[in-house]
């Protein structure tokens, strides 16, 4: 039965929990190959990496997310896909300070909006990848995992900060949509040529909480000020929704949500059901209504959420990792998900 299916057919069979002609193998992130090909972490042309994986016999996925243009000056390397646009009238200002006794320079950034000012401060550690305060060429990204663990002051601290935050999270413009569709054409052509699965994303939720207010603060918010957290998540969701819809309208086979910070390393199952379940349920409905599958990236802290993910209708749990994931048991994962959800 080997090689009776195309790569796309094989992947769709697996996503449908059906038996493929052979077990497909696909990498979510193939950093070693990208380094070998001198492929940047974000941006550039991923065609060479995709074709190299085809030569290796892998069932690689064409992810349109990485064919889209990027607006690096705003800073959103961990929210790829569409450019992240600031709202009309938003101005930014950044500067660095070094106080006596400080281990690292403090990098400050302000977003001055028509509804108020938001500010963030991060420490420039030795491994900070976005320039150097000493040379005056640094920048502080809006959406990036480097921000959260180095943050000295988060962007969102009080409920009053939510009003100006809306000015930083605006839908893609018609020009953005047209530019992205044009760029996606190369990816779609490549997928059709080799009959590969076409994917797009990445939606965010808990990951954005890490960037905007910090995960410890978000968890405490869930306990002490649940209405505050619900409103913050609703703002993020409203920003996600048109970005997701654009991928679905374009005809992707798989929409992917990045959920590295939505697992039980941070959230109890009860808090997950209260705050994330309703949003994900709606995203799954949107994907399925469009004829697409729904993928959920959660590498750690998924074991206690399996039944909820099945209840939600998630089609594939991407990346459960027994090394990174505390308590992740791949054998038990297979037993619990077999025939119900792909992984």
Protein backbone atom coordinates (compact mmCIF):
# COMPACT_ATOMS: atom_id res chain seq x y z
CA UNK A 1 0.00 0.00 0.00
CA UNK A 2 3.09 2.23 0.29
CA UNK A 3 3.07 5.52 -1.66
CA UNK A 4 -0.48 5.04 -2.90
CA UNK A 5 -1.41 8.43 -1.44
CA UNK A 6 -0.04 11.87 -2.19
CA UNK A 7 1.52 13.72 0.74
CA UNK A 8 -1.59 15.88 1.15
CA UNK A 9 -3.90 12.86 1.07
CA UNK A 10 -1.69 11.12 3.64
CA UNK A 11 -1.72 14.10 5.98
CA UNK A 12 -5.48 14.59 5.65
CA UNK A 13 -6.04 10.90 6.39
CA UNK A 14 -3.99 11.25 9.57
CA UNK A 15 -5.84 14.44 10.55
CA UNK A 16 -9.12 12.56 10.06
CA UNK A 17 -7.85 9.72 12.30
CA UNK A 18 -8.03 7.41 9.27
CA UNK A 19 -5.36 4.92 8.23
CA UNK A 20 -2.89 6.38 5.70
CA UNK A 21 -0.76 4.31 3.35
CA UNK A 22 2.18 5.03 5.66
CA UNK A 23 2.72 7.09 8.79
CA UNK A 24 3.43 10.68 7.67
CA UNK A 25 6.40 12.53 9.11
CA UNK A 26 6.34 16.31 9.15
CA UNK A 27 8.32 18.86 11.15
CA UNK A 28 6.55 21.79 12.79
CA UNK A 29 9.83 23.71 13.07
CA UNK A 30 12.96 22.41 11.32
CA UNK A 31 15.53 24.83 12.73
CA UNK A 32 18.57 22.68 11.93
CA UNK A 33 17.63 22.52 8.25
CA UNK A 34 16.89 26.24 8.14
CA UNK A 35 20.33 26.99 9.60
CA UNK A 36 21.97 24.70 7.07
CA UNK A 37 20.20 26.55 4.26
CA UNK A 38 20.94 29.96 5.85
CA UNK A 39 17.19 30.48 6.12
CA UNK A 40 16.25 33.29 8.56
CA UNK A 41 14.03 32.53 11.55
CA UNK A 42 11.31 34.74 10.09
CA UNK A 43 10.82 36.19 6.64
CA UNK A 44 12.74 35.27 3.53
CA UNK A 45 11.59 32.60 1.08
CA UNK A 46 10.83 29.20 2.66
CA UNK A 47 10.69 27.43 -0.72
CA UNK A 48 14.21 25.97 -0.43
CA UNK A 49 13.49 24.50 3.00
CA UNK A 50 10.23 22.95 1.77
CA UNK A 51 11.87 21.43 -1.30
CA UNK A 52 14.75 20.09 0.81
CA UNK A 53 12.23 18.31 3.04
CA UNK A 54 10.50 16.83 -0.01
CA UNK A 55 13.88 15.43 -1.12
CA UNK A 56 14.23 13.83 2.33
CA UNK A 57 10.90 12.07 1.82
CA UNK A 58 9.09 14.07 4.49
CA UNK A 59 5.42 15.03 4.31
CA UNK A 60 6.21 18.69 4.69
CA UNK A 61 3.50 21.30 5.08
CA UNK A 62 3.37 24.56 3.13
CA UNK A 63 2.62 27.11 5.83
CA UNK A 64 1.46 30.36 4.23
CA UNK A 65 2.28 32.14 7.47
CA UNK A 66 5.92 32.19 6.41
CA UNK A 67 5.23 33.37 2.87
CA UNK A 68 3.59 36.54 4.14
CA UNK A 69 5.36 39.91 4.34
CA UNK A 70 6.58 41.06 7.73
CA UNK A 71 6.75 44.49 9.30
CA UNK A 72 9.90 44.10 11.37
CA UNK A 73 10.07 47.71 12.50
CA UNK A 74 6.92 47.22 14.60
CA UNK A 75 8.20 43.97 16.06
CA UNK A 76 6.05 40.87 15.93
CA UNK A 77 8.33 37.96 15.09
CA UNK A 78 6.27 35.58 17.22
CA UNK A 79 2.97 36.61 15.61
CA UNK A 80 3.83 35.94 11.97
CA UNK A 81 1.37 36.07 9.13
CA UNK A 82 -0.09 39.49 8.52
CA UNK A 83 1.77 42.69 9.34
CA UNK A 84 0.85 43.97 12.79
CA UNK A 85 -0.53 47.46 12.29
CA UNK A 86 -0.80 50.13 14.96
CA UNK A 87 -3.99 52.16 14.88
CA UNK A 88 -4.35 55.60 13.38
CA UNK A 89 -2.78 58.32 15.49
CA UNK A 90 -0.49 55.99 17.50
CA UNK A 91 3.02 57.31 18.02
CA UNK A 92 5.94 55.44 19.58
CA UNK A 93 8.97 56.58 21.52
CA UNK A 94 11.83 54.52 22.91
CA UNK A 95 14.96 55.19 24.91
CA UNK A 96 17.48 53.43 27.13
CA UNK A 97 18.54 54.10 30.71
CA UNK A 98 21.40 52.71 32.75
CA UNK A 99 21.30 53.33 36.49
CA UNK A 100 24.28 52.83 38.76
CA UNK A 101 24.30 49.26 40.01
CA UNK A 102 22.03 47.94 37.26
CA UNK A 103 23.22 44.73 35.66
CA UNK A 104 21.59 45.54 32.34
CA UNK A 105 20.47 48.68 30.51
CA UNK A 106 16.72 49.28 30.73
CA UNK A 107 15.01 49.62 27.36
CA UNK A 108 11.87 51.77 27.47
CA UNK A 109 9.13 52.02 24.88
CA UNK A 110 5.95 54.10 24.90
CA UNK A 111 2.89 53.78 22.70
CA UNK A 112 1.05 57.11 22.73
CA UNK A 113 -2.52 56.47 21.55
CA UNK A 114 -5.57 58.74 21.25
CA UNK A 115 -6.92 56.99 24.38
CA UNK A 116 -3.83 57.07 26.57
CA UNK A 117 -0.22 55.93 26.79
CA UNK A 118 1.07 52.40 27.30
CA UNK A 119 4.67 51.71 28.28
CA UNK A 120 6.96 48.73 28.61
CA UNK A 121 10.47 48.33 30.07
CA UNK A 122 12.77 45.37 29.42
CA UNK A 123 16.29 44.53 30.53
CA UNK A 124 18.82 44.23 27.71
CA UNK A 125 20.46 40.91 28.63
CA UNK A 126 23.58 39.61 26.89
CA UNK A 127 21.44 37.52 24.55
CA UNK A 128 19.04 40.32 23.55
CA UNK A 129 18.74 39.91 19.75
CA UNK A 130 17.29 43.32 18.88
CA UNK A 131 20.23 45.69 18.84
CA UNK A 132 22.34 47.29 21.54
CA UNK A 133 21.56 50.36 23.65
CA UNK A 134 25.26 51.24 23.73
CA UNK A 135 25.18 51.60 19.95
CA UNK A 136 21.80 53.32 19.88
CA UNK A 137 20.32 50.80 17.45
CA UNK A 138 18.09 48.75 19.76
CA UNK A 139 14.35 48.12 19.48
CA UNK A 140 11.67 46.65 21.73
CA UNK A 141 9.25 44.37 19.86
CA UNK A 142 5.54 44.30 20.60
CA UNK A 143 4.99 40.54 20.26
CA UNK A 144 8.01 38.41 20.99
CA UNK A 145 8.99 35.69 23.47
CA UNK A 146 12.23 37.53 24.26
CA UNK A 147 10.19 40.26 25.95
CA UNK A 148 8.32 38.33 28.67
CA UNK A 149 11.21 36.94 30.79
CA UNK A 150 13.17 40.21 30.59
CA UNK A 151 10.26 42.52 31.32
CA UNK A 152 10.66 45.02 34.17
CA UNK A 153 7.32 46.69 33.43
CA UNK A 154 4.59 45.13 31.32
CA UNK A 155 2.47 46.88 28.74
CA UNK A 156 -0.84 46.04 30.46
CA UNK A 157 -1.03 46.42 34.24
CA UNK A 158 -4.51 47.78 34.97
CA UNK A 159 -7.92 47.49 33.36
CA UNK A 160 -7.59 51.11 32.23
CA UNK A 161 -4.75 49.98 29.95
CA UNK A 162 -7.19 47.96 27.85
CA UNK A 163 -8.63 51.05 26.15
CA UNK A 164 -5.31 52.17 24.59
CA UNK A 165 -4.38 48.53 23.91
CA UNK A 166 -7.21 48.36 21.37
CA UNK A 167 -5.30 50.96 19.31
CA UNK A 168 -2.35 48.54 19.02
CA UNK A 169 -4.46 45.61 17.83
CA UNK A 170 -6.28 46.64 14.68
CA UNK A 171 -7.49 44.41 11.82
CA UNK A 172 -5.41 44.01 8.65
CA UNK A 173 -6.17 46.61 6.01
CA UNK A 174 -7.42 45.77 2.53
CA UNK A 175 -3.92 46.56 1.27
CA UNK A 176 -2.50 44.06 3.80
CA UNK A 177 -4.95 41.42 2.59
CA UNK A 178 -4.10 42.02 -1.06
CA UNK A 179 -0.35 42.02 -0.40
CA UNK A 180 -0.57 38.80 1.60
CA UNK A 181 -2.75 37.04 -0.96
CA UNK A 182 -0.21 37.92 -3.63
CA UNK A 183 2.64 36.56 -1.49
CA UNK A 184 0.64 33.45 -0.57
CA UNK A 185 0.24 32.63 -4.25
CA UNK A 186 3.78 31.28 -4.38
CA UNK A 187 3.06 28.98 -1.44
CA UNK A 188 -0.22 27.74 -2.90
CA UNK A 189 1.47 27.06 -6.25
CA UNK A 190 4.19 25.06 -4.47
CA UNK A 191 1.59 23.06 -2.52
CA UNK A 192 -0.34 22.24 -5.68
CA UNK A 193 2.81 21.30 -7.61
CA UNK A 194 3.83 18.71 -4.99
CA UNK A 195 0.31 17.98 -3.64
CA UNK A 196 1.24 19.13 -0.11
CA UNK A 197 -0.94 20.17 2.81
CA UNK A 198 -1.60 23.94 2.87
CA UNK A 199 -1.60 25.55 6.32
CA UNK A 200 -1.87 29.05 7.80
CA UNK A 201 -2.00 30.87 11.12
CA UNK A 202 -0.82 31.43 13.80
CA UNK A 203 -3.56 32.59 16.11
CA UNK A 204 -2.60 33.59 19.65
CA UNK A 205 -4.25 33.75 23.06
CA UNK A 206 -2.26 32.75 26.12
CA UNK A 207 0.96 33.57 24.29
CA UNK A 208 -0.20 37.17 23.89
CA UNK A 209 -0.86 37.30 27.64
CA UNK A 210 2.81 36.49 28.18
CA UNK A 211 3.84 39.37 25.94
CA UNK A 212 1.36 41.95 27.21
CA UNK A 213 1.08 41.35 30.95
CA UNK A 214 3.24 38.37 31.92
CA UNK A 215 1.95 34.89 32.71
CA UNK A 216 2.25 35.10 36.49
CA UNK A 217 0.27 38.33 36.43
CA UNK A 218 -2.29 36.79 34.06
CA UNK A 219 -2.85 33.77 36.32
CA UNK A 220 -3.28 36.02 39.36
CA UNK A 221 -5.65 38.16 37.30
CA UNK A 222 -7.74 35.06 36.58
CA UNK A 223 -8.17 34.50 40.31
CA UNK A 224 -8.46 38.07 41.61
CA UNK A 225 -9.89 39.98 38.63
CA UNK A 226 -11.49 37.49 36.21
CA UNK A 227 -13.51 40.16 34.39
CA UNK A 228 -10.25 42.01 33.62
CA UNK A 229 -8.73 38.87 32.08
CA UNK A 230 -11.90 38.06 30.13
CA UNK A 231 -11.90 41.54 28.60
CA UNK A 232 -8.20 41.31 27.71
CA UNK A 233 -8.72 37.94 26.04
CA UNK A 234 -11.76 39.28 24.18
CA UNK A 235 -9.62 42.11 22.75
CA UNK A 236 -6.98 39.60 21.62
CA UNK A 237 -9.70 37.36 20.18
CA UNK A 238 -11.26 40.25 18.24
CA UNK A 239 -7.82 40.96 16.74
CA UNK A 240 -7.25 37.27 15.89
CA UNK A 241 -10.60 36.66 14.24
CA UNK A 242 -10.22 38.60 10.93
CA UNK A 243 -6.65 37.36 10.56
CA UNK A 244 -7.88 33.79 10.92
CA UNK A 245 -10.79 34.34 8.56
CA UNK A 246 -8.45 35.57 5.82
CA UNK A 247 -6.53 32.28 5.88
CA UNK A 248 -9.77 30.29 5.86
CA UNK A 249 -11.13 32.33 2.95
CA UNK A 250 -7.93 31.60 1.03
CA UNK A 251 -8.57 27.87 1.35
CA UNK A 252 -6.00 26.46 3.78
CA UNK A 253 -6.34 22.80 4.73
CA UNK A 254 -5.17 23.48 8.29
CA UNK A 255 -5.37 26.53 10.55
CA UNK A 256 -2.88 26.57 13.43
CA UNK A 257 -3.14 28.27 16.82
CA UNK A 258 0.04 28.72 18.85
CA UNK A 259 -0.76 27.79 22.44
CA UNK A 260 2.61 27.23 24.08
CA UNK A 261 1.42 29.19 27.13
CA UNK A 262 -2.07 27.71 27.43
CA UNK A 263 -1.10 24.42 29.10
CA UNK A 264 -1.33 23.25 32.69
CA UNK A 265 2.22 24.42 33.40
CA UNK A 266 0.39 27.72 33.94
CA UNK A 267 -3.38 27.15 34.01
CA UNK A 268 -5.48 24.66 35.96
CA UNK A 269 -7.99 22.67 33.89
CA UNK A 270 -10.74 24.73 35.53
CA UNK A 271 -9.18 28.03 34.50
CA UNK A 272 -8.56 26.66 31.02
CA UNK A 273 -12.22 25.80 30.63
CA UNK A 274 -13.28 29.20 31.96
CA UNK A 275 -11.00 31.43 29.91
CA UNK A 276 -9.71 29.59 26.82
CA UNK A 277 -12.34 26.97 26.04
CA UNK A 278 -15.01 29.40 24.71
CA UNK A 279 -12.59 31.16 22.36
CA UNK A 280 -11.10 27.95 20.98
CA UNK A 281 -14.55 26.42 20.52
CA UNK A 282 -15.48 29.33 18.25
CA UNK A 283 -12.21 29.09 16.31
CA UNK A 284 -12.73 25.36 15.76
CA UNK A 285 -16.26 26.07 14.53
CA UNK A 286 -14.94 28.68 12.08
CA UNK A 287 -12.28 26.30 10.75
CA UNK A 288 -14.64 23.38 10.30
CA UNK A 289 -17.32 25.56 8.72
CA UNK A 290 -14.70 26.61 6.14
CA UNK A 291 -13.73 22.99 5.49
CA UNK A 292 -10.36 23.30 7.25
CA UNK A 293 -8.77 21.33 10.07
CA UNK A 294 -7.75 22.98 13.34
CA UNK A 295 -4.27 22.51 14.80
CA UNK A 296 -3.20 23.38 18.34
CA UNK A 297 0.49 23.83 19.24
CA UNK A 298 0.98 22.80 22.87
CA UNK A 299 4.31 21.17 23.66
CA UNK A 300 4.00 21.02 27.46
CA UNK A 301 1.14 20.72 29.92
CA UNK A 302 -1.36 19.01 27.62
CA UNK A 303 -2.02 15.73 29.46
CA UNK A 304 -4.81 17.04 31.71
CA UNK A 305 -6.44 18.84 28.77
CA UNK A 306 -6.85 15.93 26.35
CA UNK A 307 -10.53 15.35 27.05
CA UNK A 308 -11.30 19.05 26.68
CA UNK A 309 -9.39 19.27 23.40
CA UNK A 310 -11.39 16.31 22.09
CA UNK A 311 -14.59 17.96 23.32
CA UNK A 312 -13.60 21.15 21.49
CA UNK A 313 -13.13 19.25 18.25
CA UNK A 314 -9.44 20.10 17.84
CA UNK A 315 -8.15 17.97 14.96
CA UNK A 316 -4.46 17.77 15.79
CA UNK A 317 -2.35 18.41 18.90
CA UNK A 318 0.96 19.64 17.54
CA UNK A 319 4.28 19.10 19.29
CA UNK A 320 3.71 17.24 22.60
CA UNK A 321 7.26 16.90 23.86
CA UNK A 322 8.39 14.40 26.54
CA UNK A 323 11.62 16.35 27.07
CA UNK A 324 10.22 19.87 27.30
CA UNK A 325 6.83 18.82 28.63
CA UNK A 326 6.70 18.10 32.34
CA UNK A 327 4.76 14.88 32.82
CA UNK A 328 4.22 14.36 29.09
CA UNK A 329 3.77 10.63 28.48
CA UNK A 330 3.64 9.88 24.76
CA UNK A 331 2.39 6.32 25.27
CA UNK A 332 -0.52 7.50 27.39
CA UNK A 333 -1.12 10.38 24.99
CA UNK A 334 -1.48 7.90 22.15
CA UNK A 335 -3.83 5.71 24.17
CA UNK A 336 -6.03 8.66 25.16
CA UNK A 337 -6.20 10.30 21.73
CA UNK A 338 -6.20 7.31 19.38
CA UNK A 339 -9.12 7.52 16.99
CA UNK A 340 -10.28 10.82 18.51
CA UNK A 341 -7.60 13.38 17.70
CA UNK A 342 -4.41 13.34 15.65
CA UNK A 343 -1.07 14.12 17.29
